[in-house]
Amino acid sequence: MQKISFAGWKISVPGHPVLRVGLGGLLLVGGVLGFLPVLGYWMIPLGVTVLAVDFPMARRLQRRTTVRLGYWLHRNWPSLARRIGFGAPRAGKHG
């Protein structure tokens, strides 16, 4: 079993790539239908995170989004950014 990190939680995902891709795809479809009861828009980033285990394009999208979110949180709510695990911002250009 592989583990992914999502919103501060460690989540186990299936070990077989076909099952991971299927799970990630179902999460994305469920996220697109997030306006329905039980499903939610939170499923989209979780689906991308599951797919990032197997697909480099999803991995780059996830990493780029995480870095931008970290910079934005440090700029607007630094205490929240540290509390949810983004640490201290690095020196240099942020944006």
C-alpha atoms as a PDB file:
ATOM      1  CA  MET A   1       0.000   0.000   0.000  1.00  0.00           C
ATOM      2  CA  GLN A   2       1.267   3.414  -0.938  1.00  0.00           C
ATOM      3  CA  LYS A   3       0.391   6.510   1.057  1.00  0.00           C
ATOM      4  CA  ILE A   4      -0.413   9.991  -0.178  1.00  0.00           C
ATOM      5  CA  SER A   5      -0.530  13.178   1.840  1.00  0.00           C
ATOM      6  CA  PHE A   6      -3.698  15.248   1.481  1.00  0.00           C
ATOM      7  CA  ALA A   7      -4.676  18.175   3.698  1.00  0.00           C
ATOM      8  CA  GLY A   8      -2.395  17.021   6.471  1.00  0.00           C
ATOM      9  CA  TRP A   9      -3.655  13.433   6.417  1.00  0.00           C
ATOM     10  CA  LYS A  10      -1.782  10.313   5.303  1.00  0.00           C
ATOM     11  CA  ILE A  11      -4.124   8.229   3.141  1.00  0.00           C
ATOM     12  CA  SER A  12      -3.413   4.693   1.922  1.00  0.00           C
ATOM     13  CA  VAL A  13      -4.073   4.070  -1.761  1.00  0.00           C
ATOM     14  CA  PRO A  14      -4.169   0.726  -3.601  1.00  0.00           C
ATOM     15  CA  GLY A  15      -0.818  -0.756  -4.570  1.00  0.00           C
ATOM     16  CA  HIS A  16      -1.823  -1.764  -8.103  1.00  0.00           C
ATOM     17  CA  PRO A  17      -1.559   1.048 -10.687  1.00  0.00           C
ATOM     18  CA  VAL A  18      -4.842   0.155 -12.417  1.00  0.00           C
ATOM     19  CA  LEU A  19      -6.731   0.429  -9.129  1.00  0.00           C
ATOM     20  CA  ARG A  20      -5.043   3.761  -8.325  1.00  0.00           C
ATOM     21  CA  VAL A  21      -5.914   5.188 -11.747  1.00  0.00           C
ATOM     22  CA  GLY A  22      -9.496   3.964 -11.389  1.00  0.00           C
ATOM     23  CA  LEU A  23      -9.804   5.475  -7.914  1.00  0.00           C
ATOM     24  CA  GLY A  24      -8.301   8.774  -9.064  1.00  0.00           C
ATOM     25  CA  GLY A  25     -10.622   8.899 -12.074  1.00  0.00           C
ATOM     26  CA  LEU A  26     -13.680   8.183  -9.922  1.00  0.00           C
ATOM     27  CA  LEU A  27     -12.662  10.922  -7.501  1.00  0.00           C
ATOM     28  CA  LEU A  28     -12.306  13.405 -10.364  1.00  0.00           C
ATOM     29  CA  VAL A  29     -15.713  12.476 -11.802  1.00  0.00           C
ATOM     30  CA  GLY A  30     -17.271  12.706  -8.337  1.00  0.00           C
ATOM     31  CA  GLY A  31     -15.665  16.105  -7.851  1.00  0.00           C
ATOM     32  CA  VAL A  32     -17.063  17.424 -11.120  1.00  0.00           C
ATOM     33  CA  LEU A  33     -20.486  16.336  -9.841  1.00  0.00           C
ATOM     34  CA  GLY A  34     -19.776  18.098  -6.540  1.00  0.00           C
ATOM     35  CA  PHE A  35     -23.046  19.997  -6.589  1.00  0.00           C
ATOM     36  CA  LEU A  36     -24.875  16.714  -5.831  1.00  0.00           C
ATOM     37  CA  PRO A  37     -25.391  15.503  -2.249  1.00  0.00           C
ATOM     38  CA  VAL A  38     -22.632  13.279  -0.768  1.00  0.00           C
ATOM     39  CA  LEU A  39     -20.152  14.235  -3.518  1.00  0.00           C
ATOM     40  CA  GLY A  40     -18.046  17.344  -3.154  1.00  0.00           C
ATOM     41  CA  TYR A  41     -15.553  19.578  -4.900  1.00  0.00           C
ATOM     42  CA  TRP A  42     -12.917  18.369  -2.398  1.00  0.00           C
ATOM     43  CA  MET A  43     -12.754  15.188  -4.483  1.00  0.00           C
ATOM     44  CA  ILE A  44     -10.996  16.960  -7.389  1.00  0.00           C
ATOM     45  CA  PRO A  45      -7.701  17.749  -5.604  1.00  0.00           C
ATOM     46  CA  LEU A  46      -7.789  14.326  -3.931  1.00  0.00           C
ATOM     47  CA  GLY A  47      -8.234  12.674  -7.345  1.00  0.00           C
ATOM     48  CA  VAL A  48      -5.306  14.639  -8.777  1.00  0.00           C
ATOM     49  CA  THR A  49      -3.209  13.640  -5.765  1.00  0.00           C
ATOM     50  CA  VAL A  50      -4.010   9.946  -6.305  1.00  0.00           C
ATOM     51  CA  LEU A  51      -3.270  10.224 -10.031  1.00  0.00           C
ATOM     52  CA  ALA A  52       0.016  12.026  -9.267  1.00  0.00           C
ATOM     53  CA  VAL A  53       1.446   8.734  -8.025  1.00  0.00           C
ATOM     54  CA  ASP A  54       1.383   7.360 -11.591  1.00  0.00           C
ATOM     55  CA  PHE A  55       1.274  10.342 -13.973  1.00  0.00           C
ATOM     56  CA  PRO A  56       4.047  12.967 -14.164  1.00  0.00           C
ATOM     57  CA  MET A  57       1.651  15.592 -15.578  1.00  0.00           C
ATOM     58  CA  ALA A  58      -0.649  15.255 -12.551  1.00  0.00           C
ATOM     59  CA  ARG A  59       2.420  15.310 -10.270  1.00  0.00           C
ATOM     60  CA  ARG A  60       3.590  18.621 -11.789  1.00  0.00           C
ATOM     61  CA  LEU A  61       0.068  20.091 -11.480  1.00  0.00           C
ATOM     62  CA  GLN A  62      -0.152  19.005  -7.852  1.00  0.00           C
ATOM     63  CA  ARG A  63       3.298  20.359  -6.983  1.00  0.00           C
ATOM     64  CA  ARG A  64       2.732  23.690  -8.747  1.00  0.00           C
ATOM     65  CA  THR A  65      -0.631  24.133  -7.001  1.00  0.00           C
ATOM     66  CA  THR A  66       0.813  23.225  -3.608  1.00  0.00           C
ATOM     67  CA  VAL A  67       3.677  25.714  -3.964  1.00  0.00           C
ATOM     68  CA  ARG A  68       1.356  28.529  -5.082  1.00  0.00           C
ATOM     69  CA  LEU A  69      -1.064  27.770  -2.250  1.00  0.00           C
ATOM     70  CA  GLY A  70       1.821  27.841   0.236  1.00  0.00           C
ATOM     71  CA  TYR A  71       3.049  31.219  -0.997  1.00  0.00           C
ATOM     72  CA  TRP A  72      -0.485  32.623  -0.928  1.00  0.00           C
ATOM     73  CA  LEU A  73      -1.116  31.345   2.589  1.00  0.00           C
ATOM     74  CA  HIS A  74       2.199  32.735   3.860  1.00  0.00           C
ATOM     75  CA  ARG A  75       1.345  36.111   2.381  1.00  0.00           C
ATOM     76  CA  ASN A  76      -2.216  36.233   3.781  1.00  0.00           C
ATOM     77  CA  TRP A  77      -2.329  33.917   6.825  1.00  0.00           C
ATOM     78  CA  PRO A  78       1.196  32.973   7.940  1.00  0.00           C
ATOM     79  CA  SER A  79       0.089  31.358  11.200  1.00  0.00           C
ATOM     80  CA  LEU A  80      -2.401  29.112   9.366  1.00  0.00           C
ATOM     81  CA  ALA A  81       0.260  28.207   6.785  1.00  0.00           C
ATOM     82  CA  ARG A  82       2.649  27.068   9.520  1.00  0.00           C
ATOM     83  CA  ARG A  83      -0.114  25.217  11.373  1.00  0.00           C
ATOM     84  CA  ILE A  84      -1.120  23.109   8.354  1.00  0.00           C
ATOM     85  CA  GLY A  85       2.447  22.250   7.467  1.00  0.00           C
ATOM     86  CA  PHE A  86       3.794  24.746   4.949  1.00  0.00           C
ATOM     87  CA  GLY A  87       6.658  25.776   7.255  1.00  0.00           C
ATOM     88  CA  ALA A  88       8.522  29.034   6.880  1.00  0.00           C
ATOM     89  CA  PRO A  89       8.724  30.744   3.480  1.00  0.00           C
ATOM     90  CA  ARG A  90      12.050  30.606   1.678  1.00  0.00           C
ATOM     91  CA  ALA A  91      14.000  33.781   1.007  1.00  0.00           C
ATOM     92  CA  GLY A  92      13.713  35.197  -2.473  1.00  0.00           C
ATOM     93  CA  LYS A  93      10.936  36.039  -4.873  1.00  0.00           C
ATOM     94  CA  HIS A  94       7.512  34.703  -3.874  1.00  0.00           C
ATOM     95  CA  GLY A  95       4.657  34.750  -6.337  1.00  0.00           C
END
